[in-house]
Amino acid sequence: MPQSDIILKYFPELTAGQIDQFNAMGELYPEWNEKINVISRKDIDNLYVNHILHSLAIAKFLGPLEAGTTFMDLGTGGGFPGIPLAVMYPDCRFHLIDRIAKKLRVAADVAEKIGLKNVTFRHGDVGECHDRFNYVVSRAVMPLDKLVKLVVRNISPVSAPANLYSNGLVCLKGGDLAEESRSVQYPVVEFNLNEFLSEPYYDTKKLVYVPINKK
């Protein structure tokens, strides 16, 4: 059974083209990982469950999105969660940012080779990005309180009417978040990922949603 079948388990509505794109990641990331360590070498065999499906937990949470919805992926590294989400939401736009050029090069190459047309990239600091987005997404980049302060100005004040959740930060975290959530001046909504994904890997993982601008 192809590893990518785990994606179909949770997203049975995928098109043949999307399935091909997810299958291609299973070849491209291990090839790149031999040159640049974008995923722990001990973990590359768990690419689909621990990285691709983990990224797609955000799609499980957000549900269907209005065409034209925009995302910034802060600290994308080799393209997580941005590239899997860009495959899942071909009518949305994604801007992937990272300070490490060689990791961003991996993300850009994977995006090009799987034919993604809805992603752009920025090498540098988020402070250099003055655009605004519906959602900022990230995966264990920094403590939540620091993350919110950093990205609040990049959240658009206008939410898309058809989207279930108003504009804000959606990030993937682990562990006890009480300390880093205490000084956040917006609501902090935590979900255990095993509410969305049943694999044991997710038993200790969380999704955090911080609404910044209401509808």
Protein backbone atom coordinates (compact mmCIF):
# COMPACT_ATOMS: atom_id res chain seq x y z
CA MET A 1 0.00 0.00 0.00
CA PRO A 2 1.49 3.38 -0.96
CA GLN A 3 2.29 5.55 2.05
CA SER A 4 0.19 8.30 0.49
CA ASP A 5 -2.91 6.15 1.03
CA ILE A 6 -2.92 7.54 4.57
CA ILE A 7 -3.89 10.89 3.02
CA LEU A 8 -6.83 9.31 1.20
CA LYS A 9 -8.01 7.81 4.48
CA TYR A 10 -8.81 11.32 5.72
CA PHE A 11 -9.37 13.12 2.42
CA PRO A 12 -11.20 10.65 0.13
CA GLU A 13 -12.37 13.49 -2.11
CA LEU A 14 -8.87 14.11 -3.55
CA THR A 15 -8.59 14.36 -7.31
CA ALA A 16 -6.26 12.11 -9.32
CA GLY A 17 -3.99 15.12 -9.83
CA GLN A 18 -3.74 15.80 -6.11
CA ILE A 19 -3.00 12.13 -5.41
CA ASP A 20 -0.18 12.28 -7.98
CA GLN A 21 1.23 15.38 -6.25
CA PHE A 22 1.21 13.72 -2.83
CA ASN A 23 2.77 10.56 -4.30
CA ALA A 24 5.54 12.63 -5.88
CA MET A 25 6.44 14.13 -2.49
CA GLY A 26 7.33 10.62 -1.34
CA GLU A 27 10.13 10.56 -3.92
CA LEU A 28 11.25 14.19 -3.87
CA TYR A 29 11.68 14.74 -0.15
CA PRO A 30 13.86 11.64 0.47
CA GLU A 31 16.02 12.61 -2.53
CA TRP A 32 16.51 16.12 -1.18
CA ASN A 33 17.03 14.86 2.35
CA GLU A 34 20.14 13.03 1.19
CA LYS A 35 21.63 16.44 0.28
CA ILE A 36 20.01 18.80 2.79
CA ASN A 37 18.66 17.67 6.13
CA VAL A 38 15.17 19.21 5.99
CA ILE A 39 13.62 16.31 7.91
CA SER A 40 15.40 14.30 10.60
CA ARG A 41 17.10 11.39 8.85
CA LYS A 42 15.57 9.09 11.45
CA ASP A 43 12.15 10.44 10.56
CA ILE A 44 12.16 10.50 6.75
CA ASP A 45 10.51 7.06 6.63
CA ASN A 46 7.58 8.65 8.49
CA LEU A 47 7.24 11.47 5.94
CA TYR A 48 3.53 10.96 5.29
CA VAL A 49 2.22 10.53 8.84
CA ASN A 50 4.61 12.83 10.72
CA HIS A 51 4.94 15.64 8.18
CA ILE A 52 2.48 15.64 5.28
CA LEU A 53 -0.61 14.44 7.14
CA HIS A 54 0.44 16.49 10.18
CA SER A 55 0.41 19.58 7.96
CA LEU A 56 -3.01 18.63 6.61
CA ALA A 57 -4.48 18.65 10.12
CA ILE A 58 -4.92 22.37 9.41
CA ALA A 59 -7.15 21.50 6.45
CA LYS A 60 -9.17 19.12 8.63
CA PHE A 61 -9.72 22.01 11.02
CA LEU A 62 -10.44 24.79 8.52
CA GLY A 63 -12.61 22.72 6.18
CA PRO A 64 -13.63 24.07 2.75
CA LEU A 65 -12.29 27.54 1.97
CA GLU A 66 -13.42 30.36 -0.28
CA ALA A 67 -11.41 30.61 -3.49
CA GLY A 68 -8.73 33.27 -3.15
CA THR A 69 -8.16 32.71 0.58
CA THR A 70 -4.56 33.64 1.38
CA PHE A 71 -2.00 32.04 3.70
CA MET A 72 1.43 32.90 5.01
CA ASP A 73 3.50 29.92 6.19
CA LEU A 74 6.01 31.27 8.70
CA GLY A 75 9.19 29.23 9.12
CA THR A 76 8.19 26.79 6.41
CA GLY A 77 11.56 24.98 6.31
CA GLY A 78 11.25 22.41 3.55
CA GLY A 79 7.64 23.39 2.90
CA PHE A 80 5.59 22.30 5.90
CA PRO A 81 2.74 22.93 6.36
CA GLY A 82 2.50 25.15 3.27
CA ILE A 83 3.11 22.73 0.41
CA PRO A 84 0.68 20.00 1.50
CA LEU A 85 -1.93 22.70 2.16
CA ALA A 86 -1.31 24.26 -1.26
CA VAL A 87 -2.04 20.87 -2.84
CA MET A 88 -5.19 20.52 -0.77
CA TYR A 89 -6.40 24.05 -1.59
CA PRO A 90 -5.47 24.73 -5.24
CA ASP A 91 -7.77 27.78 -5.38
CA CYS A 92 -6.05 29.46 -2.41
CA ARG A 93 -2.71 31.30 -2.38
CA PHE A 94 0.28 30.52 -0.18
CA HIS A 95 3.35 32.61 0.67
CA LEU A 96 6.12 30.54 2.30
CA ILE A 97 8.78 32.32 4.39
CA ASP A 98 11.98 31.03 5.96
CA ARG A 99 15.32 32.47 7.05
CA ILE A 100 17.29 29.43 5.85
CA ALA A 101 17.84 29.66 2.10
CA LYS A 102 18.82 26.03 1.52
CA LYS A 103 15.63 24.73 3.11
CA LEU A 104 13.52 27.18 1.14
CA ARG A 105 15.27 25.95 -2.01
CA VAL A 106 13.98 22.45 -1.26
CA ALA A 107 10.42 23.74 -0.82
CA ALA A 108 10.61 25.72 -4.07
CA ASP A 109 11.96 22.76 -6.01
CA VAL A 110 9.30 20.39 -4.68
CA ALA A 111 6.58 22.93 -5.50
CA GLU A 112 7.89 23.34 -9.05
CA LYS A 113 8.26 19.62 -9.70
CA ILE A 114 4.77 18.74 -8.51
CA GLY A 115 3.31 21.60 -10.54
CA LEU A 116 2.06 23.95 -7.84
CA LYS A 117 1.00 27.30 -9.27
CA ASN A 118 -0.39 28.86 -6.08
CA VAL A 119 2.77 29.31 -3.99
CA THR A 120 5.36 32.07 -3.68
CA PHE A 121 8.49 32.16 -1.52
CA ARG A 122 10.41 34.70 0.56
CA HIS A 123 13.88 34.18 1.96
CA GLY A 124 14.26 36.31 5.04
CA ASP A 125 12.53 37.58 8.14
CA VAL A 126 8.77 37.91 8.52
CA GLY A 127 9.35 41.55 9.45
CA GLU A 128 10.25 42.18 5.82
CA CYS A 129 6.82 40.98 4.68
CA HIS A 130 4.19 43.72 4.76
CA ASP A 131 1.42 41.78 3.03
CA ARG A 132 -1.73 40.69 4.83
CA PHE A 133 -3.32 37.26 4.76
CA ASN A 134 -6.43 35.47 5.91
CA TYR A 135 -4.40 32.95 7.87
CA VAL A 136 -0.87 32.63 9.13
CA VAL A 137 0.14 28.99 9.64
CA SER A 138 3.21 27.49 11.26
CA ARG A 139 4.55 24.26 12.68
CA ALA A 140 6.37 24.47 16.03
CA VAL A 141 8.33 27.58 15.03
CA MET A 142 8.45 29.49 18.34
CA PRO A 143 6.48 30.04 21.57
CA LEU A 144 2.91 31.09 20.93
CA ASP A 145 3.08 34.49 22.65
CA LYS A 146 6.06 35.53 20.53
CA LEU A 147 4.46 34.14 17.39
CA VAL A 148 1.23 36.10 17.84
CA LYS A 149 3.10 39.39 18.40
CA LEU A 150 5.18 38.75 15.31
CA VAL A 151 2.35 38.02 12.87
CA VAL A 152 -0.60 40.08 14.11
CA ARG A 153 0.12 42.85 11.59
CA ASN A 154 0.11 40.33 8.75
CA ILE A 155 -3.48 39.24 9.40
CA SER A 156 -5.99 40.90 7.08
CA PRO A 157 -8.83 42.78 8.83
CA VAL A 158 -11.31 41.43 6.27
CA SER A 159 -12.32 37.78 6.59
CA ALA A 160 -13.72 35.80 3.67
CA PRO A 161 -17.49 35.46 4.29
CA ALA A 162 -17.67 31.80 3.24
CA ASN A 163 -14.84 30.62 5.50
CA LEU A 164 -15.91 28.89 8.69
CA TYR A 165 -13.22 30.57 10.81
CA SER A 166 -12.35 34.25 10.90
CA ASN A 167 -8.84 35.41 10.06
CA GLY A 168 -6.07 34.49 12.43
CA LEU A 169 -3.18 32.23 13.34
CA VAL A 170 -3.42 28.44 12.99
CA CYS A 171 -0.39 26.57 14.27
CA LEU A 172 0.66 23.03 15.08
CA LYS A 173 2.18 22.56 18.52
CA GLY A 174 2.90 19.96 21.17
CA GLY A 175 3.05 19.79 24.94
CA ASP A 176 1.58 22.03 27.61
CA LEU A 177 0.85 25.47 26.15
CA ALA A 178 -0.41 27.16 29.32
CA GLU A 179 2.73 29.20 29.96
CA GLU A 180 3.20 30.46 26.41
CA SER A 181 -0.52 31.21 26.02
CA ARG A 182 -0.85 33.22 29.23
CA SER A 183 0.20 36.61 27.82
CA VAL A 184 -1.56 36.29 24.46
CA GLN A 185 -4.10 39.11 24.19
CA TYR A 186 -6.45 37.19 21.89
CA PRO A 187 -8.52 34.05 22.47
CA VAL A 188 -6.42 30.89 22.30
CA VAL A 189 -8.38 27.82 21.22
CA GLU A 190 -6.62 24.46 21.57
CA PHE A 191 -7.60 21.21 19.87
CA ASN A 192 -6.04 17.80 20.41
CA LEU A 193 -5.09 16.50 16.99
CA ASN A 194 -6.47 13.07 17.79
CA GLU A 195 -9.88 14.73 17.42
CA PHE A 196 -9.09 14.95 13.69
CA LEU A 197 -6.51 12.20 13.06
CA SER A 198 -6.53 8.80 14.75
CA GLU A 199 -2.89 7.71 14.29
CA PRO A 200 -1.03 7.31 17.64
CA TYR A 201 1.50 9.97 16.57
CA TYR A 202 -1.17 12.62 17.14
CA ASP A 203 -2.04 11.68 20.70
CA THR A 204 0.31 14.36 22.06
CA LYS A 205 -0.04 16.88 19.24
CA LYS A 206 -2.19 20.00 19.23
CA LEU A 207 -3.64 22.54 16.85
CA VAL A 208 -3.97 26.09 18.14
CA TYR A 209 -6.27 28.68 16.62
CA VAL A 210 -5.94 32.34 17.56
CA PRO A 211 -8.62 34.51 15.92
CA ILE A 212 -7.15 37.96 15.27
CA ASN A 213 -9.83 39.72 13.24
CA LYS A 214 -13.50 38.86 13.56
CA LYS A 215 -15.94 38.63 10.67
